[in-house]
């Protein structure tokens, strides 16, 4: 029996996957200038709020950080709920919100700029460009340190601001996806690795760690499927974040280059174990790590397409 177009059943999941795929295709080729991106204003307000209330002792700072985070999260979620409630074409605004929340292309562009600067032996410029990718001190980094920091940021940040948002939107919808994006943004703005946010940003840093863990495990599994399970590492050396350490060690094995090691935050040296082989990374390895991220992106797109086809077929059985 033939299924007429008007008889086709499209489930909520199918519609969500269609929106997601369209947004991902747009995100690959379109980038809103930072000067006009709502995240720039959100970052400014978050930092100004922290500047006013992040005072007194450690306990008071932690309480202030919790309350400030709840305020910022409530503002964004309230605006999102209101717009979606009054919108005639809700799916359109879902796509807009999702496009604003997703962030991968800027990281790839920034990493490529660092690589080109190192090729031209413009180390000072590369350090400045690296500052947009990570929160560690970059002023005194060697060429190897710049490359390590770039690769580690390129492996870590997409799991926080791209792949995990895709995961939560596909499964739980736009409200959860926006909440995840806001929590990760606040965790980045109020990073407790910085002395001024050591207590103030701890709660949202822990929340971000918890919500990012499932996606990091999925990325590990996907790395095993795409590149083979031999480089896969599930038990890394002692690392402040177990799943992130496993992801970085796996990337280190894939590149056959050493990652990890000591870092500086606010002039304070923090010792971390070295990960993977002992071969020092070179600027060309930034390009190789970008290739890994792009292949993961393509794999996620393929999974979404397959899921969409399966959802439509099952909805019309």
Protein backbone atom coordinates (compact mmCIF):
# COMPACT_ATOMS: atom_id res chain seq x y z
CA UNK A 1 0.00 0.00 0.00
CA UNK A 2 1.34 3.40 -0.99
CA UNK A 3 1.63 6.10 1.64
CA UNK A 4 0.31 9.43 0.38
CA UNK A 5 2.17 12.62 1.45
CA UNK A 6 -0.83 13.84 3.47
CA UNK A 7 -0.86 10.50 5.33
CA UNK A 8 2.80 10.74 6.33
CA UNK A 9 3.20 10.85 10.12
CA UNK A 10 6.03 13.05 11.39
CA UNK A 11 6.79 12.51 15.07
CA UNK A 12 8.16 15.13 17.45
CA UNK A 13 11.54 13.40 17.31
CA UNK A 14 11.55 13.45 13.50
CA UNK A 15 10.73 17.17 13.40
CA UNK A 16 13.43 17.84 15.99
CA UNK A 17 15.99 15.93 13.93
CA UNK A 18 15.04 17.84 10.77
CA UNK A 19 15.53 21.18 12.59
CA UNK A 20 18.81 19.97 14.03
CA UNK A 21 20.20 18.84 10.67
CA UNK A 22 19.23 22.11 9.00
CA UNK A 23 20.87 24.12 11.78
CA UNK A 24 24.06 22.03 11.65
CA UNK A 25 24.36 22.58 7.90
CA UNK A 26 23.91 26.34 8.37
CA UNK A 27 26.43 26.41 11.24
CA UNK A 28 29.10 24.84 9.04
CA UNK A 29 29.00 27.80 6.64
CA UNK A 30 27.67 30.73 8.66
CA UNK A 31 29.19 32.61 11.56
CA UNK A 32 27.61 35.57 13.32
CA UNK A 33 30.14 38.26 14.16
CA UNK A 34 30.97 38.30 17.88
CA UNK A 35 29.99 41.97 18.07
CA UNK A 36 26.38 41.02 17.23
CA UNK A 37 26.20 37.65 18.97
CA UNK A 38 23.95 37.56 22.09
CA UNK A 39 26.63 35.51 23.85
CA UNK A 40 28.89 38.59 23.90
CA UNK A 41 26.30 40.56 25.89
CA UNK A 42 25.62 37.54 28.10
CA UNK A 43 29.34 37.21 28.85
CA UNK A 44 29.62 40.92 29.69
CA UNK A 45 26.65 40.83 32.08
CA UNK A 46 27.94 37.62 33.72
CA UNK A 47 31.39 39.08 34.35
CA UNK A 48 30.01 42.40 35.59
CA UNK A 49 27.67 40.58 37.97
CA UNK A 50 30.57 38.49 39.26
CA UNK A 51 32.66 41.62 39.72
CA UNK A 52 30.01 43.14 41.98
CA UNK A 53 29.15 40.14 44.15
CA UNK A 54 32.30 37.97 44.14
CA UNK A 55 33.70 39.24 47.44
CA UNK A 56 34.34 38.23 51.07
CA UNK A 57 35.24 34.71 52.16
CA UNK A 58 35.24 31.40 50.32
CA UNK A 59 31.80 30.32 51.61
CA UNK A 60 30.20 33.65 50.70
CA UNK A 61 31.81 33.51 47.25
CA UNK A 62 30.38 30.03 46.65
CA UNK A 63 26.89 31.18 47.70
CA UNK A 64 27.18 34.31 45.53
CA UNK A 65 28.26 32.16 42.57
CA UNK A 66 25.29 29.83 43.04
CA UNK A 67 22.77 32.70 43.26
CA UNK A 68 24.34 34.62 40.36
CA UNK A 69 24.24 31.51 38.19
CA UNK A 70 20.60 30.86 39.04
CA UNK A 71 19.77 34.47 38.10
CA UNK A 72 21.58 34.28 34.75
CA UNK A 73 20.12 30.85 33.93
CA UNK A 74 16.61 32.02 34.87
CA UNK A 75 16.89 35.11 32.67
CA UNK A 76 17.85 33.10 29.59
CA UNK A 77 15.35 30.32 30.22
CA UNK A 78 12.56 32.81 30.91
CA UNK A 79 13.27 34.62 27.65
CA UNK A 80 13.43 31.33 25.74
CA UNK A 81 10.15 30.02 27.18
CA UNK A 82 8.36 33.33 26.54
CA UNK A 83 9.47 33.62 22.91
CA UNK A 84 8.63 30.00 22.12
CA UNK A 85 5.24 30.34 23.83
CA UNK A 86 4.13 33.37 21.80
CA UNK A 87 5.82 32.36 18.53
CA UNK A 88 3.55 31.30 15.69
CA UNK A 89 6.34 29.27 14.04
CA UNK A 90 7.95 27.70 17.09
CA UNK A 91 10.22 25.45 15.02
CA UNK A 92 11.84 28.53 13.41
CA UNK A 93 12.79 30.06 16.76
CA UNK A 94 13.99 26.69 18.03
CA UNK A 95 16.36 26.66 15.07
CA UNK A 96 17.54 30.22 15.80
CA UNK A 97 18.19 29.45 19.48
CA UNK A 98 20.00 26.25 18.54
CA UNK A 99 22.15 28.05 15.98
CA UNK A 100 23.14 30.65 18.59
CA UNK A 101 23.94 27.96 21.16
CA UNK A 102 26.10 25.75 18.92
CA UNK A 103 29.75 26.66 18.57
CA UNK A 104 32.34 24.72 16.59
CA UNK A 105 33.34 26.70 13.52
CA UNK A 106 34.91 29.57 15.54
CA UNK A 107 37.18 27.07 17.32
CA UNK A 108 38.33 25.55 14.03
CA UNK A 109 39.00 29.01 12.59
CA UNK A 110 40.92 30.09 15.71
CA UNK A 111 43.03 26.90 15.70
CA UNK A 112 43.82 27.35 12.03
CA UNK A 113 44.96 30.93 12.68
CA UNK A 114 47.30 29.72 15.44
CA UNK A 115 48.74 27.10 13.10
CA UNK A 116 49.34 29.64 10.32
CA UNK A 117 51.02 32.04 12.75
CA UNK A 118 53.37 29.28 13.91
CA UNK A 119 54.17 28.36 10.29
CA UNK A 120 55.15 32.01 9.74
CA UNK A 121 57.12 31.91 13.04
CA UNK A 122 54.91 34.63 14.53
CA UNK A 123 54.93 33.17 18.02
CA UNK A 124 53.70 36.32 19.77
CA UNK A 125 50.67 36.53 17.47
CA UNK A 126 49.98 32.81 17.98
CA UNK A 127 49.90 33.35 21.77
CA UNK A 128 47.36 36.15 21.37
CA UNK A 129 45.19 34.03 19.10
CA UNK A 130 45.43 31.08 21.51
CA UNK A 131 43.99 33.24 24.30
CA UNK A 132 40.59 33.02 22.56
CA UNK A 133 40.68 29.22 22.85
CA UNK A 134 41.78 28.66 26.45
CA UNK A 135 41.97 30.31 29.88
CA UNK A 136 45.54 29.31 30.76
CA UNK A 137 48.36 31.86 30.72
CA UNK A 138 49.77 32.06 27.20
CA UNK A 139 52.34 34.88 27.52
CA UNK A 140 55.37 32.65 28.08
CA UNK A 141 54.38 29.50 26.17
CA UNK A 142 56.95 27.87 23.92
CA UNK A 143 56.01 26.69 20.42
CA UNK A 144 55.35 23.21 21.79
CA UNK A 145 53.25 24.68 24.60
CA UNK A 146 51.18 26.66 22.12
CA UNK A 147 50.57 23.56 20.00
CA UNK A 148 49.63 21.45 23.04
CA UNK A 149 47.21 24.08 24.34
CA UNK A 150 45.59 24.48 20.92
CA UNK A 151 45.09 20.74 20.44
CA UNK A 152 43.75 20.22 23.98
CA UNK A 153 41.29 23.11 23.58
CA UNK A 154 40.20 21.85 20.17
CA UNK A 155 39.48 18.40 21.60
CA UNK A 156 37.78 19.65 24.76
CA UNK A 157 35.64 22.64 23.74
CA UNK A 158 33.47 20.99 21.03
CA UNK A 159 32.23 18.47 23.61
CA UNK A 160 31.06 21.42 25.73
CA UNK A 161 29.52 23.74 23.15
CA UNK A 162 28.64 21.56 20.16
CA UNK A 163 28.33 17.79 20.47
CA UNK A 164 26.65 17.83 23.89
CA UNK A 165 24.06 20.43 22.79
CA UNK A 166 23.24 18.24 19.77
CA UNK A 167 22.88 15.25 22.10
CA UNK A 168 20.60 16.98 24.62
CA UNK A 169 18.47 18.70 21.98
CA UNK A 170 17.89 15.48 20.04
CA UNK A 171 16.86 13.58 23.17
CA UNK A 172 15.26 16.18 25.43
CA UNK A 173 14.39 19.25 23.37
CA UNK A 174 15.29 22.91 23.11
CA UNK A 175 14.80 23.94 26.75
CA UNK A 176 17.28 21.38 28.08
CA UNK A 177 19.72 22.17 25.25
CA UNK A 178 19.64 25.90 26.07
CA UNK A 179 20.11 25.18 29.78
CA UNK A 180 23.14 23.02 28.96
CA UNK A 181 24.59 25.80 26.79
CA UNK A 182 24.10 28.40 29.54
CA UNK A 183 25.64 26.21 32.25
CA UNK A 184 28.70 25.54 30.08
CA UNK A 185 29.00 29.23 29.22
CA UNK A 186 28.91 30.26 32.89
CA UNK A 187 31.42 27.53 33.75
CA UNK A 188 33.75 29.00 31.10
CA UNK A 189 33.25 32.64 32.15
CA UNK A 190 33.65 31.86 35.86
CA UNK A 191 36.32 29.18 35.43
CA UNK A 192 37.52 28.14 38.93
CA UNK A 193 41.03 27.63 37.55
CA UNK A 194 41.24 31.41 37.74
CA UNK A 195 41.98 32.56 41.30
CA UNK A 196 39.18 35.14 41.32
CA UNK A 197 36.59 32.45 40.52
CA UNK A 198 38.07 29.57 42.52
CA UNK A 199 35.03 29.39 44.82
CA UNK A 200 32.57 31.58 42.92
CA UNK A 201 32.53 29.38 39.82
CA UNK A 202 32.88 25.97 41.47
CA UNK A 203 29.20 24.96 41.43
CA UNK A 204 28.62 25.65 37.74
CA UNK A 205 31.96 24.07 36.87
CA UNK A 206 30.84 20.88 38.64
CA UNK A 207 27.44 21.03 36.93
CA UNK A 208 29.09 21.42 33.52
CA UNK A 209 31.39 18.48 34.24
CA UNK A 210 28.39 16.29 35.12
CA UNK A 211 26.31 17.17 32.03
CA UNK A 212 29.29 16.90 29.66
CA UNK A 213 30.40 13.46 30.86
CA UNK A 214 27.86 11.40 28.85
CA UNK A 215 28.80 13.12 25.60
CA UNK A 216 32.52 12.67 26.27
CA UNK A 217 31.97 8.92 26.67
CA UNK A 218 29.99 8.90 23.42
CA UNK A 219 32.84 10.74 21.68
CA UNK A 220 35.28 8.14 23.00
CA UNK A 221 33.12 5.35 21.58
CA UNK A 222 32.82 7.20 18.28
CA UNK A 223 36.61 7.61 18.13
CA UNK A 224 36.92 3.86 18.57
CA UNK A 225 34.46 3.19 15.74
CA UNK A 226 36.09 5.71 13.37
CA UNK A 227 39.78 5.23 14.13
CA UNK A 228 39.98 1.80 15.74
CA UNK A 229 39.79 0.75 19.37
CA UNK A 230 43.54 0.34 19.88
CA UNK A 231 44.23 4.07 20.58
CA UNK A 232 41.15 4.23 22.83
CA UNK A 233 41.90 4.90 26.50
CA UNK A 234 39.25 4.61 29.21
CA UNK A 235 41.63 4.69 32.19
CA UNK A 236 43.92 7.72 31.79
CA UNK A 237 46.60 8.81 34.22
CA UNK A 238 45.46 10.88 37.20
CA UNK A 239 43.52 13.78 35.70
CA UNK A 240 41.19 16.34 37.27
CA UNK A 241 38.40 15.14 34.94
CA UNK A 242 38.48 11.40 34.25
CA UNK A 243 36.44 11.36 31.02
CA UNK A 244 38.20 14.43 29.63
CA UNK A 245 41.54 12.86 30.49
CA UNK A 246 40.48 9.72 28.61
CA UNK A 247 39.43 11.81 25.59
CA UNK A 248 42.72 13.75 25.55
CA UNK A 249 44.77 10.57 25.96
CA UNK A 250 42.88 8.97 23.07
CA UNK A 251 43.55 12.05 20.92
CA UNK A 252 47.20 11.91 21.95
CA UNK A 253 47.41 8.28 20.86
CA UNK A 254 45.70 9.04 17.54
CA UNK A 255 48.15 11.86 16.84
CA UNK A 256 51.10 9.88 18.27
CA UNK A 257 52.06 13.05 20.13
CA UNK A 258 52.43 14.00 23.78
CA UNK A 259 49.77 16.14 25.44
CA UNK A 260 49.26 17.28 29.02
CA UNK A 261 52.03 18.50 31.31
CA UNK A 262 52.28 21.57 33.53
CA UNK A 263 50.17 24.68 32.86
CA UNK A 264 50.00 28.19 34.30
CA UNK A 265 46.84 29.90 35.54
CA UNK A 266 47.17 33.46 36.93
CA UNK A 267 50.95 32.97 37.24
CA UNK A 268 50.40 29.84 39.33
CA UNK A 269 51.97 26.66 37.98
CA UNK A 270 49.79 23.53 38.09
CA UNK A 271 51.44 20.20 37.45
CA UNK A 272 49.51 17.68 35.37
CA UNK A 273 50.60 14.24 34.13
CA UNK A 274 51.80 13.93 30.56
CA UNK A 275 49.52 11.97 28.29
CA UNK A 276 50.23 9.58 25.43
CA UNK A 277 53.50 8.96 23.58
CA UNK A 278 56.64 10.96 24.33
CA UNK A 279 56.89 12.54 20.87
CA UNK A 280 56.57 16.36 21.13
CA UNK A 281 53.75 17.85 19.03
CA UNK A 282 54.46 20.17 16.08
CA UNK A 283 52.33 22.85 14.43
CA UNK A 284 51.21 20.40 11.72
CA UNK A 285 49.50 18.36 14.45
CA UNK A 286 47.00 21.19 14.93
CA UNK A 287 45.76 20.46 11.41
CA UNK A 288 45.61 16.74 12.23
CA UNK A 289 43.53 17.40 15.35
CA UNK A 290 41.18 19.59 13.27
CA UNK A 291 40.74 16.64 10.91
CA UNK A 292 39.78 14.41 13.85
CA UNK A 293 37.15 16.91 15.00
CA UNK A 294 35.75 17.28 11.47
CA UNK A 295 35.48 13.49 11.06
CA UNK A 296 33.62 13.29 14.37
CA UNK A 297 31.32 16.05 13.14
CA UNK A 298 30.64 14.15 9.91
CA UNK A 299 29.97 10.96 11.86
CA UNK A 300 27.44 12.75 14.08
CA UNK A 301 25.69 14.13 10.98
CA UNK A 302 25.51 10.60 9.52
CA UNK A 303 24.06 9.25 12.79
CA UNK A 304 21.42 12.00 12.82
CA UNK A 305 20.46 11.28 9.20
CA UNK A 306 20.12 7.57 9.96
CA UNK A 307 18.10 8.36 13.11
CA UNK A 308 15.78 10.63 11.10
CA UNK A 309 15.16 7.95 8.47
CA UNK A 310 14.55 5.32 11.18
CA UNK A 311 12.20 7.65 13.08
CA UNK A 312 10.10 8.40 9.98
CA UNK A 313 9.88 4.71 9.01
CA UNK A 314 8.92 3.58 12.53
CA UNK A 315 6.32 6.38 12.84
CA UNK A 316 4.59 5.21 9.68
CA UNK A 317 4.54 1.46 10.20
